[in-house]
Amino acid sequence: MKQFCLGLTGSIGMGKTTTANMFREEGISVWDADETVHRLYGAGGKAVPEIEKVFPEAIVDGAVSRPKLREVIQADLAALGTLEAIVHPLVAADRQTFRSENNGLIVFDIPLLFETSADQWLDAVLVVSTDEDTQKQRVFSRDGMTKELFEDILSRQIPDTEKQVRADFVIETASLEQTRADVRDLISQLTEKLSHA
């Protein structure tokens, strides 16, 4: 059966996770970049022994401690490059396995989609967006979120306006009902496209 790889992205607080779950609820397989890294960092994860070799101080109870890893990266600018050289190939291999095990419409939930040039291998990109007030409301309701952290995250993401220009599809996430309706519309549109491909 043919495959259609749809990328899903959006800036922090734009409703990406909620939208990804709506695709799952409609029976669509979703690969989640963050969840994959979480698994690779967890006890028994494939990234743990490799990271332990270079940053032993970042390992706590057999798993990668994100706060400790953040400290290492803040103290040493070259550390991020070293970390990415370990993690990126493992993430890519996991993504490839997911891709080989699924058919039809499949979704790739990737926070830094354009930033990592993932749009080059995807069939289309969906960007989720909302107004600035709603975004801030969602972000600051998260545990441990500060103005500095929010600004730091935003500084590493392509602005929402540019994402929308580069996207094939944009879904506004202000209302859950409307978002769900738009997700269903997009699924039927892409499934229809696949059946005629």
N, C-alpha and C. Protein backbone atom coordinates (compact mmCIF):
# COMPACT_ATOMS: atom_id res chain seq x y z
N MET A 1 0.83 -1.20 0.00
CA MET A 1 0.00 0.00 0.00
C MET A 1 0.87 1.25 0.00
N LYS A 2 0.36 2.27 -0.63
CA LYS A 2 1.12 3.53 -0.70
C LYS A 2 1.14 4.23 0.65
N GLN A 3 2.06 5.19 0.73
CA GLN A 3 2.26 5.91 1.98
C GLN A 3 2.20 7.41 1.73
N PHE A 4 1.67 8.15 2.70
CA PHE A 4 1.72 9.62 2.62
C PHE A 4 2.25 10.10 3.96
N CYS A 5 3.44 10.72 3.93
CA CYS A 5 4.08 11.18 5.17
C CYS A 5 3.76 12.66 5.41
N LEU A 6 2.95 12.90 6.43
CA LEU A 6 2.56 14.27 6.78
C LEU A 6 3.33 14.72 8.00
N GLY A 7 4.04 15.84 7.88
CA GLY A 7 4.74 16.40 9.03
C GLY A 7 3.81 17.30 9.80
N LEU A 8 3.90 17.25 11.12
CA LEU A 8 3.08 18.11 11.99
C LEU A 8 4.02 18.93 12.86
N THR A 9 3.87 20.24 12.81
CA THR A 9 4.72 21.10 13.64
C THR A 9 3.97 22.35 14.06
N GLY A 10 4.59 23.13 14.91
CA GLY A 10 3.99 24.36 15.40
C GLY A 10 4.84 24.86 16.56
N SER A 11 4.86 26.16 16.76
CA SER A 11 5.64 26.71 17.86
C SER A 11 5.06 26.26 19.20
N ILE A 12 5.82 26.47 20.26
CA ILE A 12 5.38 26.07 21.60
C ILE A 12 4.03 26.71 21.95
N GLY A 13 3.12 25.90 22.52
CA GLY A 13 1.82 26.41 22.95
C GLY A 13 0.79 26.58 21.84
N MET A 14 1.11 26.06 20.65
CA MET A 14 0.19 26.23 19.51
C MET A 14 -0.82 25.08 19.38
N GLY A 15 -0.67 24.04 20.21
CA GLY A 15 -1.65 22.94 20.18
C GLY A 15 -1.21 21.72 19.39
N LYS A 16 0.09 21.56 19.22
CA LYS A 16 0.61 20.45 18.42
C LYS A 16 0.30 19.08 19.04
N THR A 17 0.53 18.95 20.35
CA THR A 17 0.30 17.67 21.02
C THR A 17 -1.17 17.28 20.96
N THR A 18 -2.04 18.25 21.22
CA THR A 18 -3.49 18.00 21.17
C THR A 18 -3.90 17.56 19.77
N THR A 19 -3.35 18.24 18.75
CA THR A 19 -3.69 17.90 17.36
C THR A 19 -3.16 16.50 17.00
N ALA A 20 -1.95 16.18 17.46
CA ALA A 20 -1.38 14.85 17.20
C ALA A 20 -2.28 13.77 17.79
N ASN A 21 -2.80 14.03 18.99
CA ASN A 21 -3.70 13.06 19.64
C ASN A 21 -5.00 12.90 18.87
N MET A 22 -5.46 13.97 18.23
CA MET A 22 -6.68 13.89 17.42
C MET A 22 -6.46 12.96 16.21
N PHE A 23 -5.27 13.03 15.63
CA PHE A 23 -4.95 12.11 14.52
C PHE A 23 -4.96 10.67 15.04
N ARG A 24 -4.36 10.44 16.21
CA ARG A 24 -4.35 9.09 16.80
C ARG A 24 -5.77 8.59 17.03
N GLU A 25 -6.62 9.48 17.55
CA GLU A 25 -8.02 9.10 17.83
C GLU A 25 -8.77 8.71 16.56
N GLU A 26 -8.30 9.23 15.43
CA GLU A 26 -8.93 8.89 14.14
C GLU A 26 -8.26 7.66 13.51
N GLY A 27 -7.38 7.00 14.27
CA GLY A 27 -6.75 5.76 13.79
C GLY A 27 -5.51 5.96 12.94
N ILE A 28 -4.95 7.17 12.96
CA ILE A 28 -3.75 7.45 12.18
C ILE A 28 -2.51 7.22 13.04
N SER A 29 -1.50 6.53 12.50
CA SER A 29 -0.25 6.29 13.24
C SER A 29 0.56 7.58 13.29
N VAL A 30 1.04 7.91 14.51
CA VAL A 30 1.81 9.15 14.70
C VAL A 30 3.17 8.82 15.31
N TRP A 31 4.24 9.29 14.67
CA TRP A 31 5.59 9.18 15.24
C TRP A 31 5.90 10.50 15.92
N ASP A 32 6.35 10.42 17.17
CA ASP A 32 6.56 11.62 17.98
C ASP A 32 8.06 11.77 18.28
N ALA A 33 8.69 12.83 17.76
CA ALA A 33 10.12 13.05 17.93
C ALA A 33 10.50 13.18 19.41
N ASP A 34 9.72 13.97 20.17
CA ASP A 34 10.03 14.16 21.59
C ASP A 34 9.92 12.87 22.39
N GLU A 35 8.86 12.11 22.09
CA GLU A 35 8.64 10.84 22.80
C GLU A 35 9.78 9.87 22.48
N THR A 36 10.27 9.90 21.25
CA THR A 36 11.38 9.02 20.85
C THR A 36 12.64 9.35 21.64
N VAL A 37 12.94 10.66 21.76
CA VAL A 37 14.12 11.08 22.53
C VAL A 37 13.95 10.66 24.00
N HIS A 38 12.75 10.83 24.51
CA HIS A 38 12.43 10.45 25.89
C HIS A 38 12.75 8.96 26.11
N ARG A 39 12.35 8.13 25.15
CA ARG A 39 12.58 6.69 25.22
C ARG A 39 14.07 6.37 25.13
N LEU A 40 14.77 7.07 24.23
CA LEU A 40 16.21 6.84 24.06
C LEU A 40 17.00 7.25 25.31
N TYR A 41 16.49 8.25 26.03
CA TYR A 41 17.14 8.76 27.25
C TYR A 41 16.78 7.95 28.49
N GLY A 42 15.68 7.21 28.43
CA GLY A 42 15.19 6.48 29.61
C GLY A 42 16.08 5.30 29.96
N ALA A 43 15.83 4.69 31.14
CA ALA A 43 16.60 3.52 31.58
C ALA A 43 16.52 2.43 30.50
N GLY A 44 17.65 1.93 30.07
CA GLY A 44 17.69 0.92 29.02
C GLY A 44 17.62 1.49 27.62
N GLY A 45 17.50 2.82 27.51
CA GLY A 45 17.42 3.47 26.19
C GLY A 45 18.74 3.41 25.43
N LYS A 46 18.66 3.37 24.12
CA LYS A 46 19.87 3.20 23.29
C LYS A 46 20.87 4.35 23.41
N ALA A 47 20.39 5.54 23.79
CA ALA A 47 21.31 6.68 23.88
C ALA A 47 22.11 6.69 25.18
N VAL A 48 21.63 5.99 26.20
CA VAL A 48 22.24 6.07 27.53
C VAL A 48 23.72 5.67 27.55
N PRO A 49 24.10 4.47 27.04
CA PRO A 49 25.53 4.11 27.10
C PRO A 49 26.43 5.06 26.31
N GLU A 50 25.91 5.55 25.17
CA GLU A 50 26.71 6.46 24.33
C GLU A 50 26.93 7.80 25.03
N ILE A 51 25.87 8.32 25.67
CA ILE A 51 25.98 9.61 26.37
C ILE A 51 26.85 9.44 27.62
N GLU A 52 26.74 8.28 28.27
CA GLU A 52 27.53 8.02 29.47
C GLU A 52 29.04 8.08 29.19
N LYS A 53 29.42 7.65 27.98
CA LYS A 53 30.84 7.67 27.60
C LYS A 53 31.40 9.09 27.58
N VAL A 54 30.60 10.05 27.08
CA VAL A 54 31.10 11.43 26.94
C VAL A 54 30.67 12.36 28.08
N PHE A 55 29.47 12.12 28.62
CA PHE A 55 28.97 12.98 29.72
C PHE A 55 28.49 12.12 30.88
N PRO A 56 29.41 11.43 31.58
CA PRO A 56 28.98 10.53 32.67
C PRO A 56 28.17 11.24 33.75
N GLU A 57 28.44 12.54 33.94
CA GLU A 57 27.73 13.30 34.99
C GLU A 57 26.25 13.51 34.67
N ALA A 58 25.86 13.26 33.40
CA ALA A 58 24.45 13.46 33.00
C ALA A 58 23.59 12.21 33.22
N ILE A 59 24.22 11.12 33.70
CA ILE A 59 23.47 9.87 33.90
C ILE A 59 23.10 9.71 35.38
N VAL A 60 21.81 9.54 35.64
CA VAL A 60 21.33 9.33 37.01
C VAL A 60 20.43 8.10 37.02
N ASP A 61 20.76 7.13 37.87
CA ASP A 61 19.96 5.88 37.97
C ASP A 61 19.77 5.20 36.60
N GLY A 62 20.83 5.16 35.81
CA GLY A 62 20.78 4.43 34.53
C GLY A 62 20.01 5.11 33.42
N ALA A 63 19.64 6.37 33.63
CA ALA A 63 18.92 7.13 32.59
C ALA A 63 19.57 8.50 32.45
N VAL A 64 19.28 9.16 31.32
CA VAL A 64 19.82 10.50 31.10
C VAL A 64 18.97 11.50 31.89
N SER A 65 19.62 12.31 32.71
CA SER A 65 18.91 13.36 33.45
C SER A 65 18.93 14.63 32.59
N ARG A 66 17.76 15.07 32.15
CA ARG A 66 17.70 16.26 31.29
C ARG A 66 18.24 17.52 31.99
N PRO A 67 17.89 17.75 33.28
CA PRO A 67 18.45 18.93 33.94
C PRO A 67 19.98 18.90 33.99
N LYS A 68 20.56 17.71 34.27
CA LYS A 68 22.03 17.60 34.33
C LYS A 68 22.63 17.79 32.94
N LEU A 69 21.95 17.24 31.94
CA LEU A 69 22.42 17.39 30.56
C LEU A 69 22.40 18.86 30.15
N ARG A 70 21.35 19.58 30.58
CA ARG A 70 21.24 21.01 30.28
C ARG A 70 22.41 21.77 30.90
N GLU A 71 22.77 21.38 32.13
CA GLU A 71 23.92 22.03 32.81
C GLU A 71 25.20 21.81 32.02
N VAL A 72 25.40 20.58 31.54
CA VAL A 72 26.60 20.24 30.76
C VAL A 72 26.67 21.11 29.50
N ILE A 73 25.54 21.22 28.81
CA ILE A 73 25.49 21.99 27.56
C ILE A 73 25.71 23.48 27.81
N GLN A 74 25.15 23.97 28.91
CA GLN A 74 25.34 25.40 29.24
C GLN A 74 26.80 25.70 29.58
N ALA A 75 27.48 24.72 30.19
CA ALA A 75 28.87 24.93 30.59
C ALA A 75 29.86 24.77 29.44
N ASP A 76 29.44 24.04 28.41
CA ASP A 76 30.36 23.74 27.30
C ASP A 76 29.61 23.83 25.97
N LEU A 77 29.91 24.87 25.21
CA LEU A 77 29.20 25.11 23.94
C LEU A 77 29.34 23.96 22.95
N ALA A 78 30.47 23.27 22.97
CA ALA A 78 30.69 22.16 22.02
C ALA A 78 29.88 20.91 22.38
N ALA A 79 29.38 20.88 23.62
CA ALA A 79 28.68 19.68 24.10
C ALA A 79 27.42 19.38 23.28
N LEU A 80 26.71 20.43 22.85
CA LEU A 80 25.47 20.23 22.10
C LEU A 80 25.74 19.48 20.79
N GLY A 81 26.79 19.87 20.10
CA GLY A 81 27.17 19.20 18.85
C GLY A 81 27.49 17.73 19.08
N THR A 82 28.21 17.45 20.17
CA THR A 82 28.56 16.07 20.53
C THR A 82 27.30 15.27 20.80
N LEU A 83 26.38 15.88 21.57
CA LEU A 83 25.13 15.22 21.92
C LEU A 83 24.30 14.93 20.67
N GLU A 84 24.19 15.92 19.80
CA GLU A 84 23.39 15.75 18.56
C GLU A 84 23.97 14.65 17.68
N ALA A 85 25.30 14.54 17.65
CA ALA A 85 25.94 13.49 16.84
C ALA A 85 25.59 12.09 17.35
N ILE A 86 25.28 12.00 18.64
CA ILE A 86 24.87 10.71 19.22
C ILE A 86 23.38 10.47 18.99
N VAL A 87 22.58 11.49 19.31
CA VAL A 87 21.12 11.31 19.34
C VAL A 87 20.46 11.32 17.96
N HIS A 88 20.90 12.22 17.07
CA HIS A 88 20.23 12.32 15.76
C HIS A 88 20.19 11.02 14.97
N PRO A 89 21.32 10.27 14.86
CA PRO A 89 21.23 9.00 14.10
C PRO A 89 20.28 7.99 14.75
N LEU A 90 20.22 7.98 16.09
CA LEU A 90 19.31 7.05 16.79
C LEU A 90 17.86 7.42 16.53
N VAL A 91 17.58 8.73 16.54
CA VAL A 91 16.22 9.21 16.26
C VAL A 91 15.84 8.87 14.81
N ALA A 92 16.77 9.10 13.89
CA ALA A 92 16.52 8.81 12.47
C ALA A 92 16.24 7.33 12.24
N ALA A 93 16.98 6.46 12.94
CA ALA A 93 16.78 5.01 12.80
C ALA A 93 15.40 4.61 13.33
N ASP A 94 15.00 5.20 14.45
CA ASP A 94 13.69 4.92 15.04
C ASP A 94 12.58 5.36 14.09
N ARG A 95 12.76 6.54 13.50
CA ARG A 95 11.77 7.08 12.56
C ARG A 95 11.65 6.18 11.33
N GLN A 96 12.79 5.68 10.85
CA GLN A 96 12.80 4.81 9.68
C GLN A 96 12.07 3.50 9.96
N THR A 97 12.26 2.97 11.17
CA THR A 97 11.58 1.73 11.57
C THR A 97 10.07 1.96 11.56
N PHE A 98 9.64 3.08 12.16
CA PHE A 98 8.21 3.42 12.20
C PHE A 98 7.66 3.52 10.78
N ARG A 99 8.42 4.16 9.92
CA ARG A 99 7.99 4.37 8.53
C ARG A 99 7.83 3.03 7.80
N SER A 100 8.75 2.10 8.07
CA SER A 100 8.69 0.81 7.37
C SER A 100 7.58 -0.09 7.91
N GLU A 101 7.08 0.23 9.11
CA GLU A 101 6.04 -0.62 9.72
C GLU A 101 4.63 -0.10 9.50
N ASN A 102 4.49 1.08 8.86
CA ASN A 102 3.16 1.67 8.68
C ASN A 102 2.88 2.03 7.23
N ASN A 103 1.59 1.96 6.87
CA ASN A 103 1.18 2.31 5.51
C ASN A 103 0.09 3.37 5.52
N GLY A 104 -0.26 3.84 4.33
CA GLY A 104 -1.32 4.83 4.23
C GLY A 104 -0.84 6.18 4.72
N LEU A 105 -1.76 6.93 5.34
CA LEU A 105 -1.41 8.25 5.88
C LEU A 105 -0.73 8.06 7.23
N ILE A 106 0.49 8.58 7.37
CA ILE A 106 1.18 8.54 8.67
C ILE A 106 1.67 9.94 9.00
N VAL A 107 1.68 10.25 10.31
CA VAL A 107 2.02 11.60 10.75
C VAL A 107 3.34 11.59 11.53
N PHE A 108 4.17 12.59 11.28
CA PHE A 108 5.44 12.76 12.00
C PHE A 108 5.37 14.06 12.79
N ASP A 109 5.27 13.93 14.10
CA ASP A 109 5.17 15.08 15.01
C ASP A 109 6.59 15.54 15.34
N ILE A 110 7.03 16.64 14.73
CA ILE A 110 8.42 17.10 14.86
C ILE A 110 8.44 18.59 15.25
N PRO A 111 8.79 18.91 16.51
CA PRO A 111 8.79 20.32 16.93
C PRO A 111 9.67 21.21 16.04
N LEU A 112 10.90 20.79 15.77
CA LEU A 112 11.81 21.63 14.97
C LEU A 112 11.86 21.09 13.53
N LEU A 113 10.71 21.00 12.91
CA LEU A 113 10.59 20.37 11.59
C LEU A 113 11.36 21.15 10.51
N PHE A 114 11.06 22.44 10.35
CA PHE A 114 11.75 23.23 9.33
C PHE A 114 13.21 23.46 9.71
N GLU A 115 13.44 23.62 11.03
CA GLU A 115 14.79 23.89 11.52
C GLU A 115 15.74 22.74 11.22
N THR A 116 15.21 21.51 11.13
CA THR A 116 16.06 20.34 10.84
C THR A 116 15.87 19.85 9.40
N SER A 117 15.24 20.67 8.55
CA SER A 117 15.02 20.36 7.13
C SER A 117 14.23 19.07 6.88
N ALA A 118 13.37 18.69 7.84
CA ALA A 118 12.57 17.47 7.66
C ALA A 118 11.56 17.64 6.53
N ASP A 119 11.22 18.90 6.20
CA ASP A 119 10.25 19.13 5.12
C ASP A 119 10.76 18.59 3.78
N GLN A 120 12.06 18.31 3.69
CA GLN A 120 12.61 17.81 2.43
C GLN A 120 12.23 16.36 2.13
N TRP A 121 11.97 15.56 3.18
CA TRP A 121 11.62 14.15 2.92
C TRP A 121 10.14 13.86 3.19
N LEU A 122 9.40 14.85 3.69
CA LEU A 122 7.97 14.65 3.94
C LEU A 122 7.15 14.96 2.68
N ASP A 123 5.95 14.38 2.58
CA ASP A 123 5.09 14.65 1.42
C ASP A 123 4.36 15.98 1.57
N ALA A 124 4.09 16.38 2.83
CA ALA A 124 3.42 17.66 3.08
C ALA A 124 3.63 18.02 4.54
N VAL A 125 3.43 19.31 4.85
CA VAL A 125 3.61 19.78 6.23
C VAL A 125 2.36 20.50 6.70
N LEU A 126 1.92 20.13 7.91
CA LEU A 126 0.79 20.79 8.57
C LEU A 126 1.34 21.61 9.73
N VAL A 127 1.01 22.89 9.76
CA VAL A 127 1.40 23.75 10.87
C VAL A 127 0.15 24.09 11.68
N VAL A 128 0.25 23.94 13.02
CA VAL A 128 -0.85 24.36 13.88
C VAL A 128 -0.50 25.71 14.48
N SER A 129 -1.51 26.55 14.64
CA SER A 129 -1.26 27.91 15.10
C SER A 129 -2.44 28.42 15.91
N THR A 130 -2.18 29.44 16.71
CA THR A 130 -3.25 30.13 17.42
C THR A 130 -2.78 31.56 17.69
N ASP A 131 -3.66 32.38 18.26
CA ASP A 131 -3.26 33.77 18.51
C ASP A 131 -2.28 33.84 19.68
N GLU A 132 -1.56 34.94 19.77
CA GLU A 132 -0.49 35.10 20.77
C GLU A 132 -0.99 34.99 22.21
N ASP A 133 -2.17 35.54 22.49
CA ASP A 133 -2.70 35.49 23.86
C ASP A 133 -2.98 34.05 24.28
N THR A 134 -3.61 33.28 23.40
CA THR A 134 -3.91 31.88 23.70
C THR A 134 -2.62 31.10 23.89
N GLN A 135 -1.65 31.37 23.00
CA GLN A 135 -0.35 30.69 23.09
C GLN A 135 0.29 30.93 24.47
N LYS A 136 0.35 32.20 24.88
CA LYS A 136 0.99 32.53 26.17
C LYS A 136 0.24 31.90 27.34
N GLN A 137 -1.08 31.94 27.26
CA GLN A 137 -1.93 31.34 28.31
C GLN A 137 -1.59 29.86 28.48
N ARG A 138 -1.49 29.15 27.35
CA ARG A 138 -1.17 27.70 27.39
C ARG A 138 0.23 27.47 27.94
N VAL A 139 1.20 28.25 27.43
CA VAL A 139 2.59 28.04 27.81
C VAL A 139 2.81 28.30 29.30
N PHE A 140 2.25 29.40 29.81
CA PHE A 140 2.51 29.74 31.21
C PHE A 140 1.69 28.93 32.20
N SER A 141 0.79 28.08 31.69
CA SER A 141 0.07 27.18 32.60
C SER A 141 0.88 25.90 32.82
N ARG A 142 2.01 25.76 32.10
CA ARG A 142 2.86 24.58 32.25
C ARG A 142 3.76 24.71 33.47
N ASP A 143 4.01 23.58 34.13
CA ASP A 143 4.89 23.58 35.30
C ASP A 143 6.30 24.02 34.92
N GLY A 144 6.88 24.86 35.74
CA GLY A 144 8.28 25.25 35.55
C GLY A 144 8.54 26.22 34.41
N MET A 145 7.49 26.73 33.78
CA MET A 145 7.70 27.65 32.66
C MET A 145 7.96 29.06 33.17
N THR A 146 9.02 29.67 32.64
CA THR A 146 9.33 31.06 33.00
C THR A 146 9.38 31.87 31.72
N LYS A 147 9.36 33.19 31.88
CA LYS A 147 9.42 34.09 30.72
C LYS A 147 10.73 33.85 29.95
N GLU A 148 11.83 33.65 30.70
CA GLU A 148 13.15 33.44 30.08
C GLU A 148 13.18 32.14 29.28
N LEU A 149 12.63 31.08 29.88
CA LEU A 149 12.61 29.77 29.20
C LEU A 149 11.76 29.84 27.94
N PHE A 150 10.61 30.50 28.04
CA PHE A 150 9.71 30.67 26.90
C PHE A 150 10.44 31.40 25.76
N GLU A 151 11.13 32.49 26.11
CA GLU A 151 11.86 33.27 25.10
C GLU A 151 13.01 32.48 24.49
N ASP A 152 13.66 31.66 25.33
CA ASP A 152 14.77 30.83 24.85
C ASP A 152 14.26 29.79 23.84
N ILE A 153 13.12 29.17 24.16
CA ILE A 153 12.53 28.17 23.26
C ILE A 153 12.13 28.84 21.94
N LEU A 154 11.46 29.99 22.05
CA LEU A 154 11.03 30.71 20.84
C LEU A 154 12.23 31.11 19.97
N SER A 155 13.34 31.48 20.62
CA SER A 155 14.51 31.94 19.86
C SER A 155 15.10 30.83 18.99
N ARG A 156 14.81 29.56 19.35
CA ARG A 156 15.34 28.43 18.57
C ARG A 156 14.34 27.94 17.53
N GLN A 157 13.16 28.55 17.51
CA GLN A 157 12.13 28.13 16.56
C GLN A 157 11.92 29.20 15.49
N ILE A 158 11.68 28.75 14.26
CA ILE A 158 11.32 29.68 13.18
C ILE A 158 10.00 30.36 13.58
N PRO A 159 9.85 31.67 13.37
CA PRO A 159 8.60 32.34 13.76
C PRO A 159 7.37 31.70 13.12
N ASP A 160 6.26 31.76 13.87
CA ASP A 160 5.00 31.16 13.44
C ASP A 160 4.58 31.64 12.05
N THR A 161 4.74 32.95 11.78
CA THR A 161 4.31 33.51 10.48
C THR A 161 5.07 32.84 9.33
N GLU A 162 6.37 32.61 9.55
CA GLU A 162 7.18 31.97 8.50
C GLU A 162 6.79 30.50 8.33
N LYS A 163 6.52 29.83 9.46
CA LYS A 163 6.09 28.43 9.39
C LYS A 163 4.82 28.32 8.54
N GLN A 164 3.88 29.25 8.78
CA GLN A 164 2.61 29.20 8.04
C GLN A 164 2.83 29.39 6.54
N VAL A 165 3.75 30.26 6.18
CA VAL A 165 4.04 30.51 4.77
C VAL A 165 4.62 29.25 4.11
N ARG A 166 5.46 28.53 4.87
CA ARG A 166 6.13 27.34 4.31
C ARG A 166 5.28 26.07 4.37
N ALA A 167 4.18 26.13 5.12
CA ALA A 167 3.34 24.94 5.31
C ALA A 167 2.46 24.66 4.09
N ASP A 168 2.06 23.39 3.95
CA ASP A 168 1.08 23.01 2.92
C ASP A 168 -0.33 23.20 3.48
N PHE A 169 -0.47 22.98 4.80
CA PHE A 169 -1.76 23.11 5.47
C PHE A 169 -1.56 23.83 6.80
N VAL A 170 -2.54 24.66 7.18
CA VAL A 170 -2.50 25.33 8.49
C VAL A 170 -3.84 25.07 9.19
N ILE A 171 -3.77 24.65 10.45
CA ILE A 171 -4.98 24.46 11.24
C ILE A 171 -4.90 25.38 12.46
N GLU A 172 -5.97 26.17 12.64
CA GLU A 172 -6.07 27.05 13.81
C GLU A 172 -6.58 26.22 14.98
N THR A 173 -5.96 26.38 16.16
CA THR A 173 -6.33 25.50 17.28
C THR A 173 -7.03 26.22 18.43
N ALA A 174 -7.66 27.35 18.16
CA ALA A 174 -8.32 28.10 19.24
C ALA A 174 -9.48 27.30 19.84
N SER A 175 -10.23 26.59 18.99
CA SER A 175 -11.38 25.81 19.48
C SER A 175 -11.16 24.33 19.21
N LEU A 176 -11.36 23.50 20.24
CA LEU A 176 -11.16 22.05 20.10
C LEU A 176 -12.07 21.45 19.04
N GLU A 177 -13.33 21.89 19.04
CA GLU A 177 -14.31 21.32 18.08
C GLU A 177 -13.88 21.62 16.65
N GLN A 178 -13.46 22.88 16.41
CA GLN A 178 -13.05 23.28 15.07
C GLN A 178 -11.78 22.55 14.65
N THR A 179 -10.84 22.41 15.59
CA THR A 179 -9.58 21.71 15.30
C THR A 179 -9.87 20.27 14.90
N ARG A 180 -10.75 19.62 15.68
CA ARG A 180 -11.09 18.22 15.38
C ARG A 180 -11.75 18.10 14.00
N ALA A 181 -12.63 19.03 13.69
CA ALA A 181 -13.30 19.02 12.37
C ALA A 181 -12.28 19.21 11.26
N ASP A 182 -11.34 20.12 11.47
CA ASP A 182 -10.29 20.38 10.46
C ASP A 182 -9.37 19.18 10.28
N VAL A 183 -9.06 18.50 11.39
CA VAL A 183 -8.21 17.30 11.33
C VAL A 183 -8.93 16.22 10.51
N ARG A 184 -10.22 16.03 10.79
CA ARG A 184 -10.99 15.02 10.04
C ARG A 184 -11.06 15.36 8.55
N ASP A 185 -11.26 16.64 8.25
CA ASP A 185 -11.30 17.08 6.84
C ASP A 185 -9.98 16.77 6.14
N LEU A 186 -8.89 17.09 6.83
CA LEU A 186 -7.57 16.88 6.24
C LEU A 186 -7.31 15.39 6.02
N ILE A 187 -7.70 14.57 6.99
CA ILE A 187 -7.52 13.11 6.85
C ILE A 187 -8.28 12.61 5.62
N SER A 188 -9.53 13.04 5.46
CA SER A 188 -10.30 12.53 4.32
C SER A 188 -9.73 13.05 3.00
N GLN A 189 -9.26 14.29 3.02
CA GLN A 189 -8.64 14.88 1.82
C GLN A 189 -7.38 14.09 1.41
N LEU A 190 -6.52 13.78 2.38
CA LEU A 190 -5.25 13.08 2.08
C LEU A 190 -5.48 11.60 1.77
N THR A 191 -6.46 10.99 2.46
CA THR A 191 -6.76 9.59 2.20
C THR A 191 -7.32 9.43 0.78
N GLU A 192 -8.15 10.40 0.38
CA GLU A 192 -8.72 10.45 -0.97
C GLU A 192 -7.58 10.55 -2.00
N LYS A 193 -6.64 11.43 -1.71
CA LYS A 193 -5.48 11.65 -2.58
C LYS A 193 -4.68 10.36 -2.75
N LEU A 194 -4.50 9.64 -1.62
CA LEU A 194 -3.75 8.38 -1.64
C LEU A 194 -4.44 7.32 -2.49
N SER A 195 -5.76 7.28 -2.39
CA SER A 195 -6.50 6.25 -3.13
C SER A 195 -6.43 6.47 -4.64
N HIS A 196 -6.14 7.73 -5.07
CA HIS A 196 -6.04 8.00 -6.50
C HIS A 196 -4.59 8.04 -6.99
N ALA A 197 -3.66 7.89 -6.03
CA ALA A 197 -2.23 8.00 -6.40
C ALA A 197 -1.78 6.79 -7.20
